[in-house]
Amino acid sequence: MRGLAVGLMSGTSLDGVDVAAIDSDGERIFRFGPTGYRPYSDDERALLRQALADAKNLTLRHERPGVLAEAEAFITRAHAEAVEAFLDAEGIARGDVAVIGFHGQTVLHKPAERLTVQIGDGMALAQRLGLTVAYDFRAADVAAGGQGAPLVPIFHQALARDLDRPHPIAVLNIGGVANVTFVNGGDPVACDTGPGNALIDDFMRMKTGNPLDRDGDQAARGKVDEPFIAHVLAHPFFDQPCPKSLDRNDFALANIGLPDMSVADGAATLSALTAASVARVVSRLPVPPKAWIVAGGGARNPTLMKMLAARLAPATVETADAVGWSSQSIEAQAFAYLAMRTLNALPITFPLTTGASAAMAGGIVVRP
């Protein structure tokens, strides 16, 4: 089946809901449609941060202690509002939409315990919108012993397969957590690389009240604490082979032992940690990539991009926008693509992306 799919993404950076439409049959991407964004307010971000805290001790996927029930209702409502505003703004008739790809909000990810929790009510979203919704993309893979992440590699492969850059290509997505997809023919190889923007954002919020280091301005002024980076990189995670995945809280300010630093030095050090952890994964890939394409919020940070270029040389490092993709909307586009694959019963996870024993279809499809 081919049709218009609308993908939604609310990532670990907790900034808002990205919306994107693509025309696809789940294998080929025929056309990229418009994109949209529904930002979260400060109060909404605070609710989601509390939900992350309340989820730390979950043992069952469907438990909703603390503010989690309130947060789930909010996530569902915010995503519905994002879709409604997007369709109205772009003049897209609901009858033209084949499926909505709804990732929800990850609040806990512990694949070693076969547990992953994304809040958001897919059935309620389908009923409010009157549209078919694909959701809960990670659970089947985790239940089968996979990592349940990253999910976007099959989309990255579809994007990069014919890209006019030296191959092999690495597609790096830097959200709250960073992940990489290695594309060189055959099934993709992928894993989380380590912290993305989450540590930097949390540090800036703690020190200044600002949600992020905009344009890497503070990091550009600071001095990097290389011994601290070496200390963090001694964590066993970085020596594990691909595939591997992280929860946002696995590397949190509370547990990495960051020394007291100025705003500039802290931002510089945490930005360099993200870049260094990406460079560390190169030895875990089949061969070193010749070209890196960077998407996600990290692609909008010039200081982080310079750090990546320095640590990944002699490979080239470019933003997704520079090669004609969308840095901002690539994950929402990915969930539109995954929704169409789910609708067509195509696999979305693979042994070399999540560690599942076989290629697996995933996601639940609900109709209003």
Protein backbone atom coordinates (compact mmCIF):
# COMPACT_ATOMS: atom_id res chain seq x y z
CA MET A 1 0.00 0.00 0.00
CA ARG A 2 1.24 3.48 -0.87
CA GLY A 3 -0.08 6.65 0.71
CA LEU A 4 0.46 9.81 2.69
CA ALA A 5 1.80 9.09 6.18
CA VAL A 6 2.12 11.70 8.93
CA GLY A 7 4.79 11.05 11.53
CA LEU A 8 5.04 12.49 15.04
CA MET A 9 8.03 12.67 17.35
CA SER A 10 8.50 13.94 20.90
CA GLY A 11 12.09 13.17 21.81
CA THR A 12 14.15 12.97 24.96
CA SER A 13 15.03 16.67 24.67
CA LEU A 14 11.40 17.44 25.63
CA ASP A 15 11.16 20.50 23.40
CA GLY A 16 7.94 19.76 21.53
CA VAL A 17 6.19 17.64 18.90
CA ASP A 18 7.65 17.47 15.40
CA VAL A 19 5.22 16.65 12.58
CA ALA A 20 6.12 15.55 9.05
CA ALA A 21 4.35 14.02 6.06
CA ILE A 22 5.84 11.70 3.46
CA ASP A 23 4.48 9.80 0.46
CA SER A 24 5.73 6.23 0.78
CA ASP A 25 4.94 2.55 0.45
CA GLY A 26 7.21 1.67 3.40
CA GLU A 27 10.11 0.85 1.13
CA ARG A 28 10.58 3.82 -1.17
CA ILE A 29 10.12 7.48 -0.34
CA PHE A 30 8.35 9.08 -3.28
CA ARG A 31 7.99 12.57 -1.86
CA PHE A 32 8.69 14.55 1.27
CA GLY A 33 5.68 16.59 2.33
CA PRO A 34 5.41 19.58 4.64
CA THR A 35 6.57 19.67 8.25
CA GLY A 36 5.27 21.28 11.43
CA TYR A 37 6.05 21.79 15.09
CA ARG A 38 4.09 22.15 18.30
CA PRO A 39 6.40 23.47 21.07
CA TYR A 40 5.95 22.58 24.71
CA SER A 41 5.52 25.34 27.26
CA ASP A 42 7.72 25.52 30.35
CA ASP A 43 4.94 23.99 32.45
CA GLU A 44 4.45 21.17 29.96
CA ARG A 45 8.17 20.40 29.93
CA ALA A 46 8.14 20.40 33.73
CA LEU A 47 5.30 17.86 33.70
CA LEU A 48 7.28 15.60 31.37
CA ARG A 49 10.45 15.91 33.46
CA GLN A 50 8.42 14.85 36.50
CA ALA A 51 7.02 11.94 34.49
CA LEU A 52 10.56 10.81 33.72
CA ALA A 53 11.35 10.92 37.42
CA ASP A 54 8.19 9.04 38.38
CA ALA A 55 8.90 6.35 35.79
CA LYS A 56 12.32 5.37 37.13
CA ASN A 57 11.01 2.52 39.28
CA LEU A 58 8.39 1.14 36.91
CA THR A 59 8.35 -2.63 36.58
CA LEU A 60 5.24 -3.04 34.40
CA ARG A 61 4.68 -1.30 31.06
CA HIS A 62 1.15 -0.18 31.76
CA GLU A 63 1.63 1.18 35.28
CA ARG A 64 1.06 4.95 35.55
CA PRO A 65 2.07 6.07 39.08
CA GLY A 66 2.68 9.65 40.13
CA VAL A 67 2.03 12.13 37.33
CA LEU A 68 2.39 9.54 34.56
CA ALA A 69 -1.35 9.26 33.94
CA GLU A 70 -1.63 13.05 33.66
CA ALA A 71 1.44 13.15 31.42
CA GLU A 72 0.03 10.43 29.16
CA ALA A 73 -3.22 12.33 28.71
CA PHE A 74 -1.22 15.47 27.94
CA ILE A 75 1.02 13.70 25.39
CA THR A 76 -2.02 12.30 23.59
CA ARG A 77 -3.73 15.70 23.58
CA ALA A 78 -0.61 17.60 22.46
CA HIS A 79 -0.01 15.20 19.57
CA ALA A 80 -3.66 15.48 18.51
CA GLU A 81 -3.39 19.27 18.57
CA ALA A 82 -0.17 19.07 16.55
CA VAL A 83 -1.81 16.93 13.85
CA GLU A 84 -4.98 19.04 13.71
CA ALA A 85 -3.04 22.29 13.37
CA PHE A 86 -0.71 20.73 10.78
CA LEU A 87 -3.49 19.39 8.57
CA ASP A 88 -5.37 22.69 8.75
CA ALA A 89 -2.28 24.79 8.02
CA GLU A 90 -1.25 22.65 5.05
CA GLY A 91 -4.75 22.15 3.65
CA ILE A 92 -4.50 18.36 3.88
CA ALA A 93 -7.83 16.54 3.94
CA ARG A 94 -8.06 13.81 6.55
CA GLY A 95 -9.29 11.41 3.90
CA ASP A 96 -5.91 11.79 2.16
CA VAL A 97 -3.96 10.51 5.21
CA ALA A 98 -3.28 6.77 5.17
CA VAL A 99 -1.77 6.52 8.66
CA ILE A 100 -0.41 8.52 11.60
CA GLY A 101 2.90 7.33 13.09
CA PHE A 102 2.70 8.01 16.85
CA HIS A 103 5.86 7.30 18.84
CA GLY A 104 4.64 8.79 22.11
CA GLN A 105 7.07 9.91 24.81
CA THR A 106 9.69 7.52 26.13
CA VAL A 107 9.81 7.72 29.92
CA LEU A 108 11.73 4.51 30.62
CA HIS A 109 13.90 2.25 28.49
CA LYS A 110 15.48 -0.81 30.13
CA PRO A 111 15.87 -3.43 27.42
CA ALA A 112 18.00 -5.66 29.65
CA GLU A 113 14.88 -6.04 31.79
CA ARG A 114 12.70 -6.38 28.67
CA LEU A 115 10.97 -3.16 29.59
CA THR A 116 10.34 -0.05 27.52
CA VAL A 117 7.63 2.51 28.25
CA GLN A 118 6.31 5.14 25.85
CA ILE A 119 3.36 7.09 27.19
CA GLY A 120 0.58 8.11 24.80
CA ASP A 121 -2.78 6.51 24.06
CA GLY A 122 -2.85 5.38 20.42
CA MET A 123 -6.50 4.40 20.45
CA ALA A 124 -7.57 7.72 21.96
CA LEU A 125 -5.52 9.56 19.33
CA ALA A 126 -7.12 7.55 16.51
CA GLN A 127 -10.60 8.25 17.87
CA ARG A 128 -10.02 11.98 18.29
CA LEU A 129 -8.49 12.38 14.82
CA GLY A 130 -10.70 9.87 13.04
CA LEU A 131 -7.57 8.43 11.44
CA THR A 132 -5.64 5.15 11.46
CA VAL A 133 -2.75 5.27 13.96
CA ALA A 134 0.35 3.05 14.23
CA TYR A 135 2.04 3.21 17.63
CA ASP A 136 3.97 1.24 20.30
CA PHE A 137 6.83 0.53 17.90
CA ARG A 138 9.42 -0.68 20.43
CA ALA A 139 7.64 -3.19 22.66
CA ALA A 140 7.62 -6.26 20.40
CA ASP A 141 11.35 -6.02 19.75
CA VAL A 142 12.17 -5.61 23.45
CA ALA A 143 9.89 -8.51 24.40
CA ALA A 144 11.80 -10.66 21.90
CA GLY A 145 15.14 -9.79 23.49
CA GLY A 146 16.09 -6.85 21.27
CA GLN A 147 17.16 -3.40 22.42
CA GLY A 148 14.06 -1.75 20.95
CA ALA A 149 16.29 1.08 19.75
CA PRO A 150 17.31 2.75 17.61
CA LEU A 151 14.25 2.46 15.40
CA VAL A 152 15.19 4.87 12.61
CA PRO A 153 18.01 2.93 10.86
CA ILE A 154 15.80 1.45 8.15
CA PHE A 155 14.66 4.99 7.30
CA HIS A 156 18.23 6.30 7.40
CA GLN A 157 19.18 3.55 4.96
CA ALA A 158 16.37 4.54 2.61
CA LEU A 159 17.67 8.12 2.71
CA ALA A 160 21.39 7.39 2.40
CA ARG A 161 21.41 4.46 -0.03
CA ASP A 162 21.62 6.67 -3.12
CA LEU A 163 23.19 9.75 -1.56
CA ASP A 164 26.03 11.20 -3.63
CA ARG A 165 28.66 10.99 -0.92
CA PRO A 166 31.57 8.59 -0.40
CA HIS A 167 30.34 5.34 1.10
CA PRO A 168 30.10 3.95 3.72
CA ILE A 169 27.93 6.66 5.23
CA ALA A 170 27.05 7.14 8.89
CA VAL A 171 23.81 8.93 9.70
CA LEU A 172 24.07 10.43 13.18
CA ASN A 173 20.96 11.62 14.99
CA ILE A 174 21.67 13.80 18.02
CA GLY A 175 18.58 14.19 20.16
CA GLY A 176 18.60 13.78 23.93
CA VAL A 177 20.52 10.55 23.26
CA ALA A 178 22.64 10.15 20.10
CA ASN A 179 22.39 7.21 17.71
CA VAL A 180 24.17 6.20 14.52
CA THR A 181 23.21 4.17 11.45
CA PHE A 182 25.97 2.66 9.29
CA VAL A 183 24.91 2.36 5.63
CA ASN A 184 27.01 0.34 3.20
CA GLY A 185 24.60 -2.06 1.49
CA GLY A 186 22.73 -4.90 3.15
CA ASP A 187 20.77 -4.45 6.35
CA PRO A 188 21.79 -1.38 8.37
CA VAL A 189 24.05 -1.55 11.43
CA ALA A 190 23.08 0.80 14.25
CA CYS A 191 23.36 1.66 17.93
CA ASP A 192 23.09 4.46 20.43
CA THR A 193 26.46 6.17 20.82
CA GLY A 194 25.98 7.89 24.18
CA PRO A 195 24.68 11.20 25.48
CA GLY A 196 23.34 13.63 22.92
CA ASN A 197 21.86 16.99 23.89
CA ALA A 198 20.27 15.89 27.18
CA LEU A 199 23.31 16.48 29.40
CA ILE A 200 24.06 19.84 27.81
CA ASP A 201 20.44 20.96 28.11
CA ASP A 202 20.11 19.78 31.71
CA PHE A 203 23.36 21.54 32.67
CA MET A 204 22.24 24.82 31.07
CA ARG A 205 18.87 24.60 32.79
CA MET A 206 20.51 23.95 36.15
CA LYS A 207 23.08 26.73 35.79
CA THR A 208 21.17 29.43 33.92
CA GLY A 209 17.51 28.47 33.68
CA ASN A 210 17.84 28.43 29.89
CA PRO A 211 16.67 25.26 28.12
CA LEU A 212 19.81 24.85 25.96
CA ASP A 213 23.16 26.30 24.89
CA ARG A 214 21.79 28.12 21.88
CA ASP A 215 24.12 27.83 18.87
CA GLY A 216 26.77 26.39 21.20
CA ASP A 217 27.66 29.95 22.27
CA GLN A 218 28.73 29.02 25.81
CA ALA A 219 30.59 25.89 24.69
CA ALA A 220 32.56 27.96 22.16
CA ARG A 221 33.89 30.09 25.02
CA GLY A 222 34.75 27.27 27.42
CA LYS A 223 37.66 24.95 28.12
CA VAL A 224 37.15 21.20 27.74
CA ASP A 225 38.02 18.97 30.71
CA GLU A 226 39.55 16.03 28.82
CA PRO A 227 40.31 13.94 31.98
CA PHE A 228 36.62 14.08 32.89
CA ILE A 229 35.67 12.92 29.40
CA ALA A 230 38.12 10.03 29.68
CA HIS A 231 36.56 9.14 33.03
CA VAL A 232 33.04 8.99 31.57
CA LEU A 233 34.22 7.03 28.52
CA ALA A 234 35.60 4.35 30.86
CA HIS A 235 31.96 3.32 31.46
CA PRO A 236 31.37 -0.25 30.18
CA PHE A 237 28.69 0.95 27.75
CA PHE A 238 31.27 2.42 25.41
CA ASP A 239 33.11 -0.88 25.04
CA GLN A 240 29.98 -2.84 24.17
CA PRO A 241 29.54 -3.85 20.51
CA CYS A 242 26.62 -2.66 18.39
CA PRO A 243 23.69 -2.92 18.74
CA LYS A 244 23.20 -1.20 22.09
CA SER A 245 20.82 1.41 23.46
CA LEU A 246 20.44 3.84 26.32
CA ASP A 247 17.79 5.34 28.56
CA ARG A 248 17.98 9.14 28.84
CA ASN A 249 18.87 8.79 32.52
CA ASP A 250 21.76 6.34 32.03
CA PHE A 251 24.09 9.33 31.69
CA ALA A 252 22.45 12.03 33.78
CA LEU A 253 24.08 14.91 35.64
CA ALA A 254 23.25 13.19 38.90
CA ASN A 255 25.35 10.12 38.11
CA ILE A 256 28.30 11.18 35.93
CA GLY A 257 30.21 13.07 38.64
CA LEU A 258 30.59 16.36 36.77
CA PRO A 259 32.93 18.66 38.75
CA ASP A 260 31.82 22.18 39.62
CA MET A 261 32.40 24.20 36.46
CA SER A 262 31.59 27.57 34.99
CA VAL A 263 28.74 27.70 32.50
CA ALA A 264 31.14 27.96 29.56
CA ASP A 265 33.48 25.18 30.70
CA GLY A 266 30.59 22.85 31.55
CA ALA A 267 28.91 23.42 28.21
CA ALA A 268 32.20 22.90 26.39
CA THR A 269 33.01 19.72 28.31
CA LEU A 270 29.57 18.14 27.89
CA SER A 271 29.50 19.04 24.19
CA ALA A 272 32.94 17.47 23.78
CA LEU A 273 31.69 14.38 25.64
CA THR A 274 28.94 13.93 23.05
CA ALA A 275 31.46 14.30 20.21
CA ALA A 276 33.98 11.98 21.86
CA SER A 277 31.39 9.28 22.48
CA VAL A 278 30.43 9.41 18.79
CA ALA A 279 34.08 9.08 17.78
CA ARG A 280 34.44 6.16 20.18
CA VAL A 281 31.82 4.14 18.26
CA VAL A 282 33.83 4.20 15.01
CA SER A 283 35.87 1.18 16.09
CA ARG A 284 32.61 -0.71 16.71
CA LEU A 285 31.38 -0.24 13.13
CA PRO A 286 32.26 -2.66 10.32
CA VAL A 287 34.69 -0.13 8.78
CA PRO A 288 35.21 3.59 9.44
CA PRO A 289 32.58 5.70 7.65
CA LYS A 290 33.84 8.11 5.01
CA ALA A 291 30.96 10.57 5.40
CA TRP A 292 28.86 11.53 8.42
CA ILE A 293 25.46 13.18 8.07
CA VAL A 294 24.21 14.79 11.31
CA ALA A 295 20.52 15.29 12.10
CA GLY A 296 18.49 16.20 15.18
CA GLY A 297 18.92 19.15 17.48
CA GLY A 298 22.69 18.68 17.62
CA ALA A 299 22.96 19.57 13.95
CA ARG A 300 21.88 23.12 14.85
CA ASN A 301 24.81 23.55 17.26
CA PRO A 302 27.82 24.90 15.29
CA THR A 303 30.22 24.30 18.18
CA LEU A 304 29.20 20.67 18.49
CA MET A 305 29.48 20.25 14.71
CA LYS A 306 33.06 21.59 14.82
CA MET A 307 33.92 19.20 17.64
CA LEU A 308 32.50 16.29 15.66
CA ALA A 309 34.46 17.28 12.56
CA ALA A 310 37.68 17.41 14.57
CA ARG A 311 37.17 14.04 16.24
CA LEU A 312 35.86 12.22 13.14
CA ALA A 313 38.49 13.45 10.65
CA PRO A 314 39.42 12.53 7.95
CA ALA A 315 35.75 11.64 7.34
CA THR A 316 33.54 14.50 6.20
CA VAL A 317 30.86 15.81 8.57
CA GLU A 318 27.76 17.62 7.25
CA THR A 319 24.31 18.47 8.52
CA ALA A 320 21.25 16.73 7.15
CA ASP A 321 20.07 20.08 5.77
CA ALA A 322 23.29 20.43 3.80
CA VAL A 323 22.55 17.23 1.86
CA GLY A 324 18.92 18.13 1.25
CA TRP A 325 17.33 16.35 4.19
CA SER A 326 15.61 17.93 7.21
CA SER A 327 17.66 18.06 10.41
CA GLN A 328 14.66 19.24 12.40
CA SER A 329 12.06 16.83 11.06
CA ILE A 330 14.00 13.68 10.19
CA GLU A 331 12.70 11.68 13.16
CA ALA A 332 9.09 12.65 12.51
CA GLN A 333 9.62 11.64 8.88
CA ALA A 334 11.08 8.37 10.13
CA PHE A 335 7.97 7.56 12.15
CA ALA A 336 5.79 8.32 9.14
CA TYR A 337 7.92 5.80 7.23
CA LEU A 338 7.80 3.25 10.07
CA ALA A 339 4.01 3.65 10.29
CA MET A 340 3.70 2.82 6.61
CA ARG A 341 5.99 -0.20 7.03
CA THR A 342 3.85 -1.31 9.97
CA LEU A 343 0.68 -0.88 7.92
CA ASN A 344 2.26 -3.07 5.22
CA ALA A 345 3.58 -5.68 7.71
CA LEU A 346 7.23 -4.94 6.83
CA PRO A 347 10.02 -5.36 9.40
CA ILE A 348 11.22 -2.28 11.28
CA THR A 349 13.99 -3.77 13.45
CA PHE A 350 16.87 -6.05 12.51
CA PRO A 351 19.54 -8.15 14.24
CA LEU A 352 22.26 -5.55 13.57
CA THR A 353 20.16 -2.57 14.69
CA THR A 354 18.55 -3.82 17.89
CA GLY A 355 19.98 -7.29 18.49
CA ALA A 356 16.70 -9.05 17.86
CA SER A 357 17.19 -12.62 16.65
CA ALA A 358 15.47 -11.89 13.34
CA ALA A 359 14.02 -9.01 11.35
CA MET A 360 10.80 -8.04 13.11
CA ALA A 361 7.66 -6.17 12.28
CA GLY A 362 6.53 -3.93 15.13
CA GLY A 363 3.91 -1.47 16.13
CA ILE A 364 0.20 -1.73 16.72
CA VAL A 365 -2.31 -0.44 14.17
CA VAL A 366 -5.62 0.95 15.45
CA ARG A 367 -8.47 2.39 13.46
CA PRO A 368 -11.12 4.84 14.74
